[in-house]
């Protein structure tokens, strides 16, 4: 390959890379939310898992858009739920769903 061919290949590669980067940015970055803070974490649900992978705590939104925090005991027998949007703000239940304690 001659020196002129190498220059042509390098120039073509540079122009193609530049064009691909510009087009890719226009196509794929358009759907990204730009309102996020640089140090923020954004999600619809957060789960805290124990060593076995079992969810012990969760923070998220239900299907109605109401926020809630759920904490589960180590043995899974009790659950503490906090939801300022629901009729009962704090609720402690057993495994069967029976309310052990609640507060408005």
PDB file of N, CA and C in Angstrom:
ATOM      1  N   UNK A   1       0.853  -1.162   0.000  1.00  0.00           N
ATOM      2  CA  UNK A   1       0.000   0.000   0.000  1.00  0.00           C
ATOM      3  C   UNK A   1       0.909   1.238   0.000  1.00  0.00           C
ATOM      4  N   UNK A   2       0.554   2.183  -0.808  1.00  0.00           N
ATOM      5  CA  UNK A   2       1.381   3.386  -0.919  1.00  0.00           C
ATOM      6  C   UNK A   2       1.050   4.351   0.207  1.00  0.00           C
ATOM      7  N   UNK A   3       1.917   5.350   0.324  1.00  0.00           N
ATOM      8  CA  UNK A   3       1.735   6.366   1.350  1.00  0.00           C
ATOM      9  C   UNK A   3       0.437   7.127   1.128  1.00  0.00           C
ATOM     10  N   UNK A   4       0.095   7.394  -0.120  1.00  0.00           N
ATOM     11  CA  UNK A   4      -1.140   8.109  -0.452  1.00  0.00           C
ATOM     12  C   UNK A   4      -2.368   7.274  -0.060  1.00  0.00           C
ATOM     13  N   UNK A   5      -2.295   5.976  -0.241  1.00  0.00           N
ATOM     14  CA  UNK A   5      -3.401   5.088   0.150  1.00  0.00           C
ATOM     15  C   UNK A   5      -3.600   5.108   1.660  1.00  0.00           C
ATOM     16  N   UNK A   6      -2.496   5.086   2.416  1.00  0.00           N
ATOM     17  CA  UNK A   6      -2.585   5.149   3.880  1.00  0.00           C
ATOM     18  C   UNK A   6      -3.217   6.459   4.336  1.00  0.00           C
ATOM     19  N   UNK A   7      -2.833   7.554   3.732  1.00  0.00           N
ATOM     20  CA  UNK A   7      -3.401   8.854   4.086  1.00  0.00           C
ATOM     21  C   UNK A   7      -4.892   8.855   3.779  1.00  0.00           C
ATOM     22  N   UNK A   8      -5.268   8.280   2.637  1.00  0.00           N
ATOM     23  CA  UNK A   8      -6.680   8.216   2.255  1.00  0.00           C
ATOM     24  C   UNK A   8      -7.470   7.360   3.258  1.00  0.00           C
ATOM     25  N   UNK A   9      -6.932   6.213   3.672  1.00  0.00           N
ATOM     26  CA  UNK A   9      -7.601   5.334   4.636  1.00  0.00           C
ATOM     27  C   UNK A   9      -7.746   6.047   5.984  1.00  0.00           C
ATOM     28  N   UNK A  10      -6.704   6.710   6.452  1.00  0.00           N
ATOM     29  CA  UNK A  10      -6.764   7.422   7.726  1.00  0.00           C
ATOM     30  C   UNK A  10      -7.761   8.575   7.671  1.00  0.00           C
ATOM     31  N   UNK A  11      -7.765   9.327   6.572  1.00  0.00           N
ATOM     32  CA  UNK A  11      -8.702  10.453   6.438  1.00  0.00           C
ATOM     33  C   UNK A  11     -10.138   9.941   6.387  1.00  0.00           C
ATOM     34  N   UNK A  12     -10.375   8.863   5.655  1.00  0.00           N
ATOM     35  CA  UNK A  12     -11.712   8.293   5.567  1.00  0.00           C
ATOM     36  C   UNK A  12     -12.173   7.773   6.935  1.00  0.00           C
ATOM     37  N   UNK A  13     -11.294   7.126   7.661  1.00  0.00           N
ATOM     38  CA  UNK A  13     -11.617   6.625   9.000  1.00  0.00           C
ATOM     39  C   UNK A  13     -11.955   7.778   9.935  1.00  0.00           C
ATOM     40  N   UNK A  14     -11.172   8.853   9.904  1.00  0.00           N
ATOM     41  CA  UNK A  14     -11.413  10.013  10.757  1.00  0.00           C
ATOM     42  C   UNK A  14     -12.759  10.657  10.447  1.00  0.00           C
ATOM     43  N   UNK A  15     -13.035  10.901   9.177  1.00  0.00           N
ATOM     44  CA  UNK A  15     -14.294  11.539   8.783  1.00  0.00           C
ATOM     45  C   UNK A  15     -15.480  10.629   9.125  1.00  0.00           C
ATOM     46  N   UNK A  16     -15.347   9.332   8.886  1.00  0.00           N
ATOM     47  CA  UNK A  16     -16.417   8.393   9.204  1.00  0.00           C
ATOM     48  C   UNK A  16     -16.686   8.317  10.700  1.00  0.00           C
ATOM     49  N   UNK A  17     -15.627   8.314  11.509  1.00  0.00           N
ATOM     50  CA  UNK A  17     -15.791   8.279  12.964  1.00  0.00           C
ATOM     51  C   UNK A  17     -16.460   9.544  13.471  1.00  0.00           C
ATOM     52  N   UNK A  18     -16.041  10.672  12.952  1.00  0.00           N
ATOM     53  CA  UNK A  18     -16.619  11.950  13.350  1.00  0.00           C
ATOM     54  C   UNK A  18     -18.098  12.007  12.975  1.00  0.00           C
ATOM     55  N   UNK A  19     -18.419  11.620  11.757  1.00  0.00           N
ATOM     56  CA  UNK A  19     -19.811  11.615  11.296  1.00  0.00           C
ATOM     57  C   UNK A  19     -20.644  10.635  12.114  1.00  0.00           C
ATOM     58  N   UNK A  20     -20.127   9.450  12.373  1.00  0.00           N
ATOM     59  CA  UNK A  20     -20.850   8.460  13.169  1.00  0.00           C
ATOM     60  C   UNK A  20     -21.105   8.939  14.585  1.00  0.00           C
ATOM     61  N   UNK A  21     -20.141   9.618  15.186  1.00  0.00           N
ATOM     62  CA  UNK A  21     -20.323  10.157  16.525  1.00  0.00           C
ATOM     63  C   UNK A  21     -21.409  11.210  16.582  1.00  0.00           C
ATOM     64  N   UNK A  22     -21.412  12.087  15.597  1.00  0.00           N
ATOM     65  CA  UNK A  22     -22.426  13.148  15.560  1.00  0.00           C
ATOM     66  C   UNK A  22     -23.811  12.559  15.345  1.00  0.00           C
ATOM     67  N   UNK A  23     -23.943  11.652  14.390  1.00  0.00           N
ATOM     68  CA  UNK A  23     -25.240  11.039  14.103  1.00  0.00           C
ATOM     69  C   UNK A  23     -25.709  10.205  15.297  1.00  0.00           C
ATOM     70  N   UNK A  24     -24.804   9.452  15.912  1.00  0.00           N
ATOM     71  CA  UNK A  24     -25.166   8.639  17.069  1.00  0.00           C
ATOM     72  C   UNK A  24     -25.643   9.487  18.237  1.00  0.00           C
ATOM     73  N   UNK A  25     -24.988  10.607  18.445  1.00  0.00           N
ATOM     74  CA  UNK A  25     -25.409  11.493  19.529  1.00  0.00           C
ATOM     75  C   UNK A  25     -26.804  12.034  19.267  1.00  0.00           C
ATOM     76  N   UNK A  26     -27.082  12.410  18.058  1.00  0.00           N
ATOM     77  CA  UNK A  26     -28.402  12.947  17.716  1.00  0.00           C
ATOM     78  C   UNK A  26     -29.493  11.871  17.837  1.00  0.00           C
ATOM     79  N   UNK A  27     -29.188  10.644  17.480  1.00  0.00           N
ATOM     80  CA  UNK A  27     -30.193   9.582  17.507  1.00  0.00           C
ATOM     81  C   UNK A  27     -30.417   9.008  18.901  1.00  0.00           C
ATOM     82  N   UNK A  28     -29.345   8.758  19.642  1.00  0.00           N
ATOM     83  CA  UNK A  28     -29.462   7.997  20.882  1.00  0.00           C
ATOM     84  C   UNK A  28     -29.500   8.845  22.140  1.00  0.00           C
ATOM     85  N   UNK A  29     -28.943  10.008  22.142  1.00  0.00           N
ATOM     86  CA  UNK A  29     -28.937  10.853  23.330  1.00  0.00           C
ATOM     87  C   UNK A  29     -30.248  11.620  23.455  1.00  0.00           C
ATOM     88  N   UNK A  30     -31.039  11.685  22.410  1.00  0.00           N
ATOM     89  CA  UNK A  30     -32.290  12.445  22.446  1.00  0.00           C
ATOM     90  C   UNK A  30     -33.250  11.905  23.489  1.00  0.00           C
ATOM     91  N   UNK A  31     -33.224  10.602  23.782  1.00  0.00           N
ATOM     92  CA  UNK A  31     -34.147  10.010  24.737  1.00  0.00           C
ATOM     93  C   UNK A  31     -33.687  10.077  26.181  1.00  0.00           C
ATOM     94  N   UNK A  32     -32.497  10.578  26.445  1.00  0.00           N
ATOM     95  CA  UNK A  32     -31.960  10.633  27.804  1.00  0.00           C
ATOM     96  C   UNK A  32     -32.539  11.835  28.534  1.00  0.00           C
ATOM     97  N   UNK A  33     -32.900  11.641  29.793  1.00  0.00           N
ATOM     98  CA  UNK A  33     -33.437  12.724  30.609  1.00  0.00           C
ATOM     99  C   UNK A  33     -32.275  13.612  31.040  1.00  0.00           C
ATOM    100  N   UNK A  34     -32.363  14.890  30.724  1.00  0.00           N
ATOM    101  CA  UNK A  34     -31.279  15.806  31.053  1.00  0.00           C
ATOM    102  C   UNK A  34     -31.501  16.525  32.381  1.00  0.00           C
ATOM    103  N   UNK A  35     -32.597  16.252  33.071  1.00  0.00           N
ATOM    104  CA  UNK A  35     -32.909  16.934  34.319  1.00  0.00           C
ATOM    105  C   UNK A  35     -32.240  16.267  35.526  1.00  0.00           C
ATOM    106  N   UNK A  36     -31.500  15.183  35.307  1.00  0.00           N
ATOM    107  CA  UNK A  36     -30.874  14.484  36.409  1.00  0.00           C
ATOM    108  C   UNK A  36     -29.666  15.260  36.927  1.00  0.00           C
ATOM    109  N   UNK A  37     -29.477  15.219  38.227  1.00  0.00           N
ATOM    110  CA  UNK A  37     -28.311  15.833  38.840  1.00  0.00           C
ATOM    111  C   UNK A  37     -27.111  14.919  38.630  1.00  0.00           C
ATOM    112  N   UNK A  38     -25.942  15.516  38.590  1.00  0.00           N
ATOM    113  CA  UNK A  38     -24.725  14.737  38.365  1.00  0.00           C
ATOM    114  C   UNK A  38     -24.500  13.699  39.456  1.00  0.00           C
ATOM    115  N   UNK A  39     -24.824  14.014  40.705  1.00  0.00           N
ATOM    116  CA  UNK A  39     -24.593  13.088  41.815  1.00  0.00           C
ATOM    117  C   UNK A  39     -25.852  12.344  42.233  1.00  0.00           C
ATOM    118  N   UNK A  40     -26.946  12.496  41.502  1.00  0.00           N
ATOM    119  CA  UNK A  40     -28.211  11.875  41.863  1.00  0.00           C
ATOM    120  C   UNK A  40     -28.328  10.460  41.332  1.00  0.00           C
ATOM    121  N   UNK A  41     -29.187   9.695  41.992  1.00  0.00           N
ATOM    122  CA  UNK A  41     -29.533   8.350  41.546  1.00  0.00           C
ATOM    123  C   UNK A  41     -31.033   8.354  41.327  1.00  0.00           C
ATOM    124  N   UNK A  42     -31.476   7.922  40.163  1.00  0.00           N
ATOM    125  CA  UNK A  42     -32.888   7.982  39.815  1.00  0.00           C
ATOM    126  C   UNK A  42     -33.390   6.587  39.470  1.00  0.00           C
ATOM    127  N   UNK A  43     -34.473   6.201  40.118  1.00  0.00           N
ATOM    128  CA  UNK A  43     -35.068   4.886  39.862  1.00  0.00           C
ATOM    129  C   UNK A  43     -36.515   4.909  40.314  1.00  0.00           C
ATOM    130  N   UNK A  44     -37.280   3.954  39.855  1.00  0.00           N
ATOM    131  CA  UNK A  44     -38.665   3.831  40.286  1.00  0.00           C
ATOM    132  C   UNK A  44     -38.777   2.986  41.542  1.00  0.00           C
ATOM    133  N   UNK A  45     -37.750   2.188  41.836  1.00  0.00           N
ATOM    134  CA  UNK A  45     -37.782   1.313  43.000  1.00  0.00           C
ATOM    135  C   UNK A  45     -36.359   1.041  43.468  1.00  0.00           C
ATOM    136  N   UNK A  46     -36.189   1.004  44.777  1.00  0.00           N
ATOM    137  CA  UNK A  46     -34.920   0.644  45.385  1.00  0.00           C
ATOM    138  C   UNK A  46     -35.161  -0.563  46.284  1.00  0.00           C
ATOM    139  N   UNK A  47     -34.328  -1.574  46.170  1.00  0.00           N
ATOM    140  CA  UNK A  47     -34.445  -2.763  47.013  1.00  0.00           C
ATOM    141  C   UNK A  47     -33.136  -2.978  47.758  1.00  0.00           C
ATOM    142  N   UNK A  48     -33.251  -3.340  49.034  1.00  0.00           N
ATOM    143  CA  UNK A  48     -32.099  -3.713  49.842  1.00  0.00           C
ATOM    144  C   UNK A  48     -32.187  -5.218  50.047  1.00  0.00           C
ATOM    145  N   UNK A  49     -31.171  -5.941  49.576  1.00  0.00           N
ATOM    146  CA  UNK A  49     -31.176  -7.405  49.634  1.00  0.00           C
ATOM    147  C   UNK A  49     -30.196  -7.886  50.692  1.00  0.00           C
ATOM    148  N   UNK A  50     -30.535  -9.017  51.336  1.00  0.00           N
ATOM    149  CA  UNK A  50     -29.596  -9.615  52.274  1.00  0.00           C
ATOM    150  C   UNK A  50     -28.607 -10.502  51.510  1.00  0.00           C
ATOM    151  N   UNK A  51     -27.756 -11.216  52.246  1.00  0.00           N
ATOM    152  CA  UNK A  51     -26.714 -12.027  51.613  1.00  0.00           C
ATOM    153  C   UNK A  51     -27.273 -13.138  50.729  1.00  0.00           C
ATOM    154  N   UNK A  52     -28.497 -13.590  51.005  1.00  0.00           N
ATOM    155  CA  UNK A  52     -29.092 -14.670  50.217  1.00  0.00           C
ATOM    156  C   UNK A  52     -29.883 -14.154  49.014  1.00  0.00           C
ATOM    157  N   UNK A  53     -29.973 -12.829  48.884  1.00  0.00           N
ATOM    158  CA  UNK A  53     -30.708 -12.250  47.763  1.00  0.00           C
ATOM    159  C   UNK A  53     -32.162 -11.946  48.072  1.00  0.00           C
ATOM    160  N   UNK A  54     -32.561 -12.145  49.318  1.00  0.00           N
ATOM    161  CA  UNK A  54     -33.940 -11.890  49.733  1.00  0.00           C
ATOM    162  C   UNK A  54     -34.120 -10.395  50.012  1.00  0.00           C
ATOM    163  N   UNK A  55     -35.190  -9.808  49.479  1.00  0.00           N
ATOM    164  CA  UNK A  55     -35.461  -8.385  49.693  1.00  0.00           C
ATOM    165  C   UNK A  55     -35.848  -8.149  51.141  1.00  0.00           C
ATOM    166  N   UNK A  56     -35.107  -7.285  51.811  1.00  0.00           N
ATOM    167  CA  UNK A  56     -35.396  -6.956  53.211  1.00  0.00           C
ATOM    168  C   UNK A  56     -36.005  -5.575  53.350  1.00  0.00           C
ATOM    169  N   UNK A  57     -35.753  -4.689  52.385  1.00  0.00           N
ATOM    170  CA  UNK A  57     -36.320  -3.344  52.428  1.00  0.00           C
ATOM    171  C   UNK A  57     -36.557  -2.879  51.000  1.00  0.00           C
ATOM    172  N   UNK A  58     -37.587  -2.072  50.842  1.00  0.00           N
ATOM    173  CA  UNK A  58     -37.892  -1.547  49.523  1.00  0.00           C
ATOM    174  C   UNK A  58     -38.492  -0.164  49.618  1.00  0.00           C
ATOM    175  N   UNK A  59     -38.128   0.678  48.687  1.00  0.00           N
ATOM    176  CA  UNK A  59     -38.669   2.022  48.589  1.00  0.00           C
ATOM    177  C   UNK A  59     -39.109   2.191  47.150  1.00  0.00           C
ATOM    178  N   UNK A  60     -40.381   2.559  46.953  1.00  0.00           N
ATOM    179  CA  UNK A  60     -40.847   2.687  45.582  1.00  0.00           C
ATOM    180  C   UNK A  60     -42.256   3.231  45.494  1.00  0.00           C
ATOM    181  N   UNK A  61     -42.762   3.199  44.270  1.00  0.00           N
ATOM    182  CA  UNK A  61     -44.107   3.663  43.970  1.00  0.00           C
ATOM    183  C   UNK A  61     -44.973   2.468  43.617  1.00  0.00           C
ATOM    184  N   UNK A  62     -46.241   2.482  44.077  1.00  0.00           N
ATOM    185  CA  UNK A  62     -47.149   1.411  43.682  1.00  0.00           C
ATOM    186  C   UNK A  62     -47.820   1.779  42.360  1.00  0.00           C
ATOM    187  N   UNK A  63     -48.757   0.955  41.919  1.00  0.00           N
ATOM    188  CA  UNK A  63     -49.404   1.177  40.616  1.00  0.00           C
ATOM    189  C   UNK A  63     -50.222   2.462  40.574  1.00  0.00           C
ATOM    190  N   UNK A  64     -50.600   2.995  41.739  1.00  0.00           N
ATOM    191  CA  UNK A  64     -51.347   4.256  41.796  1.00  0.00           C
ATOM    192  C   UNK A  64     -50.441   5.465  41.930  1.00  0.00           C
ATOM    193  N   UNK A  65     -49.126   5.255  41.954  1.00  0.00           N
ATOM    194  CA  UNK A  65     -48.186   6.348  42.104  1.00  0.00           C
ATOM    195  C   UNK A  65     -47.973   6.779  43.539  1.00  0.00           C
ATOM    196  N   UNK A  66     -48.423   5.962  44.496  1.00  0.00           N
ATOM    197  CA  UNK A  66     -48.243   6.288  45.910  1.00  0.00           C
ATOM    198  C   UNK A  66     -46.904   5.731  46.390  1.00  0.00           C
ATOM    199  N   UNK A  67     -46.176   6.546  47.149  1.00  0.00           N
ATOM    200  CA  UNK A  67     -44.853   6.166  47.627  1.00  0.00           C
ATOM    201  C   UNK A  67     -44.970   5.319  48.890  1.00  0.00           C
ATOM    202  N   UNK A  68     -44.020   4.399  49.051  1.00  0.00           N
ATOM    203  CA  UNK A  68     -44.043   3.561  50.240  1.00  0.00           C
ATOM    204  C   UNK A  68     -42.665   3.024  50.569  1.00  0.00           C
ATOM    205  N   UNK A  69     -42.457   2.756  51.844  1.00  0.00           N
ATOM    206  CA  UNK A  69     -41.236   2.135  52.344  1.00  0.00           C
ATOM    207  C   UNK A  69     -41.655   0.873  53.088  1.00  0.00           C
ATOM    208  N   UNK A  70     -41.051  -0.257  52.737  1.00  0.00           N
ATOM    209  CA  UNK A  70     -41.397  -1.539  53.359  1.00  0.00           C
ATOM    210  C   UNK A  70     -40.130  -2.153  53.936  1.00  0.00           C
ATOM    211  N   UNK A  71     -40.197  -2.527  55.217  1.00  0.00           N
ATOM    212  CA  UNK A  71     -39.089  -3.189  55.904  1.00  0.00           C
ATOM    213  C   UNK A  71     -39.572  -4.560  56.366  1.00  0.00           C
ATOM    214  N   UNK A  72     -38.786  -5.594  56.121  1.00  0.00           N
ATOM    215  CA  UNK A  72     -39.170  -6.959  56.481  1.00  0.00           C
ATOM    216  C   UNK A  72     -38.193  -7.509  57.520  1.00  0.00           C
ATOM    217  N   UNK A  73     -38.708  -8.221  58.513  1.00  0.00           N
ATOM    218  CA  UNK A  73     -37.854  -8.801  59.548  1.00  0.00           C
ATOM    219  C   UNK A  73     -36.940  -9.866  58.943  1.00  0.00           C
ATOM    220  N   UNK A  74     -35.894 -10.197  59.683  1.00  0.00           N
ATOM    221  CA  UNK A  74     -34.908 -11.159  59.199  1.00  0.00           C
ATOM    222  C   UNK A  74     -35.539 -12.503  58.861  1.00  0.00           C
ATOM    223  N   UNK A  75     -36.482 -12.959  59.715  1.00  0.00           N
ATOM    224  CA  UNK A  75     -37.134 -14.253  59.481  1.00  0.00           C
ATOM    225  C   UNK A  75     -38.334 -14.149  58.526  1.00  0.00           C
ATOM    226  N   UNK A  76     -38.691 -12.944  58.123  1.00  0.00           N
ATOM    227  CA  UNK A  76     -39.792 -12.758  57.185  1.00  0.00           C
ATOM    228  C   UNK A  76     -41.172 -12.809  57.808  1.00  0.00           C
ATOM    229  N   UNK A  77     -41.231 -12.859  59.149  1.00  0.00           N
ATOM    230  CA  UNK A  77     -42.515 -12.973  59.828  1.00  0.00           C
ATOM    231  C   UNK A  77     -43.243 -11.647  59.995  1.00  0.00           C
ATOM    232  N   UNK A  78     -42.523 -10.550  60.006  1.00  0.00           N
ATOM    233  CA  UNK A  78     -43.152  -9.241  60.212  1.00  0.00           C
ATOM    234  C   UNK A  78     -42.703  -8.274  59.122  1.00  0.00           C
ATOM    235  N   UNK A  79     -43.636  -7.375  58.752  1.00  0.00           N
ATOM    236  CA  UNK A  79     -43.360  -6.352  57.763  1.00  0.00           C
ATOM    237  C   UNK A  79     -43.858  -5.015  58.283  1.00  0.00           C
ATOM    238  N   UNK A  80     -43.006  -4.014  58.193  1.00  0.00           N
ATOM    239  CA  UNK A  80     -43.364  -2.661  58.576  1.00  0.00           C
ATOM    240  C   UNK A  80     -43.477  -1.842  57.295  1.00  0.00           C
ATOM    241  N   UNK A  81     -44.643  -1.254  57.071  1.00  0.00           N
ATOM    242  CA  UNK A  81     -44.886  -0.472  55.858  1.00  0.00           C
ATOM    243  C   UNK A  81     -45.210   0.970  56.231  1.00  0.00           C
ATOM    244  N   UNK A  82     -44.570   1.900  55.562  1.00  0.00           N
ATOM    245  CA  UNK A  82     -44.807   3.330  55.740  1.00  0.00           C
ATOM    246  C   UNK A  82     -45.276   3.895  54.412  1.00  0.00           C
ATOM    247  N   UNK A  83     -46.425   4.558  54.416  1.00  0.00           N
ATOM    248  CA  UNK A  83     -46.954   5.159  53.200  1.00  0.00           C
ATOM    249  C   UNK A  83     -47.762   6.400  53.551  1.00  0.00           C
ATOM    250  N   UNK A  84     -47.213   7.587  53.317  1.00  0.00           N
ATOM    251  CA  UNK A  84     -47.939   8.807  53.650  1.00  0.00           C
ATOM    252  C   UNK A  84     -49.169   9.034  52.774  1.00  0.00           C
ATOM    253  N   UNK A  85     -49.261   8.355  51.644  1.00  0.00           N
ATOM    254  CA  UNK A  85     -50.390   8.532  50.740  1.00  0.00           C
ATOM    255  C   UNK A  85     -51.576   7.637  51.074  1.00  0.00           C
ATOM    256  N   UNK A  86     -51.354   6.568  51.814  1.00  0.00           N
ATOM    257  CA  UNK A  86     -52.424   5.613  52.112  1.00  0.00           C
ATOM    258  C   UNK A  86     -53.281   6.039  53.291  1.00  0.00           C
ATOM    259  N   UNK A  87     -54.389   5.336  53.515  1.00  0.00           N
ATOM    260  CA  UNK A  87     -55.261   5.669  54.646  1.00  0.00           C
ATOM    261  C   UNK A  87     -54.595   5.379  55.994  1.00  0.00           C
ATOM    262  N   UNK A  88     -53.682   4.400  56.029  1.00  0.00           N
ATOM    263  CA  UNK A  88     -52.922   4.089  57.232  1.00  0.00           C
ATOM    264  C   UNK A  88     -51.459   4.406  56.921  1.00  0.00           C
ATOM    265  N   UNK A  89     -50.868   5.340  57.675  1.00  0.00           N
ATOM    266  CA  UNK A  89     -49.505   5.790  57.383  1.00  0.00           C
ATOM    267  C   UNK A  89     -48.451   4.760  57.769  1.00  0.00           C
ATOM    268  N   UNK A  90     -48.655   4.080  58.904  1.00  0.00           N
ATOM    269  CA  UNK A  90     -47.692   3.090  59.394  1.00  0.00           C
ATOM    270  C   UNK A  90     -48.453   1.813  59.740  1.00  0.00           C
ATOM    271  N   UNK A  91     -47.918   0.680  59.260  1.00  0.00           N
ATOM    272  CA  UNK A  91     -48.622  -0.589  59.493  1.00  0.00           C
ATOM    273  C   UNK A  91     -47.599  -1.695  59.716  1.00  0.00           C
ATOM    274  N   UNK A  92     -47.775  -2.456  60.792  1.00  0.00           N
ATOM    275  CA  UNK A  92     -46.962  -3.629  61.086  1.00  0.00           C
ATOM    276  C   UNK A  92     -47.845  -4.849  60.900  1.00  0.00           C
ATOM    277  N   UNK A  93     -47.448  -5.763  60.024  1.00  0.00           N
ATOM    278  CA  UNK A  93     -48.256  -6.950  59.730  1.00  0.00           C
ATOM    279  C   UNK A  93     -47.431  -8.214  59.935  1.00  0.00           C
ATOM    280  N   UNK A  94     -48.131  -9.327  60.118  1.00  0.00           N
ATOM    281  CA  UNK A  94     -47.435 -10.606  60.188  1.00  0.00           C
ATOM    282  C   UNK A  94     -47.410 -11.230  58.798  1.00  0.00           C
ATOM    283  N   UNK A  95     -46.860 -12.421  58.715  1.00  0.00           N
ATOM    284  CA  UNK A  95     -46.684 -13.081  57.420  1.00  0.00           C
ATOM    285  C   UNK A  95     -48.001 -13.296  56.678  1.00  0.00           C
ATOM    286  N   UNK A  96     -49.075 -13.530  57.423  1.00  0.00           N
ATOM    287  CA  UNK A  96     -50.374 -13.785  56.796  1.00  0.00           C
ATOM    288  C   UNK A  96     -51.085 -12.500  56.358  1.00  0.00           C
ATOM    289  N   UNK A  97     -50.523 -11.337  56.720  1.00  0.00           N
ATOM    290  CA  UNK A  97     -51.153 -10.077  56.364  1.00  0.00           C
ATOM    291  C   UNK A  97     -51.995  -9.457  57.463  1.00  0.00           C
ATOM    292  N   UNK A  98     -52.101 -10.150  58.598  1.00  0.00           N
ATOM    293  CA  UNK A  98     -52.861  -9.647  59.736  1.00  0.00           C
ATOM    294  C   UNK A  98     -52.136  -8.440  60.328  1.00  0.00           C
ATOM    295  N   UNK A  99     -52.883  -7.364  60.556  1.00  0.00           N
ATOM    296  CA  UNK A  99     -52.301  -6.135  61.092  1.00  0.00           C
ATOM    297  C   UNK A  99     -52.059  -6.317  62.587  1.00  0.00           C
ATOM    298  N   UNK A 100     -50.792  -6.182  62.995  1.00  0.00           N
ATOM    299  CA  UNK A 100     -50.416  -6.278  64.399  1.00  0.00           C
ATOM    300  C   UNK A 100     -50.487  -4.921  65.078  1.00  0.00           C
ATOM    301  N   UNK A 101     -50.196  -3.867  64.341  1.00  0.00           N
ATOM    302  CA  UNK A 101     -50.216  -2.505  64.867  1.00  0.00           C
ATOM    303  C   UNK A 101     -50.292  -1.543  63.692  1.00  0.00           C
ATOM    304  N   UNK A 102     -50.987  -0.429  63.890  1.00  0.00           N
ATOM    305  CA  UNK A 102     -51.056   0.578  62.835  1.00  0.00           C
ATOM    306  C   UNK A 102     -51.238   1.955  63.453  1.00  0.00           C
ATOM    307  N   UNK A 103     -50.920   2.956  62.679  1.00  0.00           N
ATOM    308  CA  UNK A 103     -51.106   4.346  63.119  1.00  0.00           C
ATOM    309  C   UNK A 103     -51.583   5.157  61.927  1.00  0.00           C
ATOM    310  N   UNK A 104     -52.461   6.099  62.216  1.00  0.00           N
ATOM    311  CA  UNK A 104     -53.033   6.905  61.120  1.00  0.00           C
ATOM    312  C   UNK A 104     -51.955   7.711  60.490  1.00  0.00           C
TER     313      UNK A 104
END
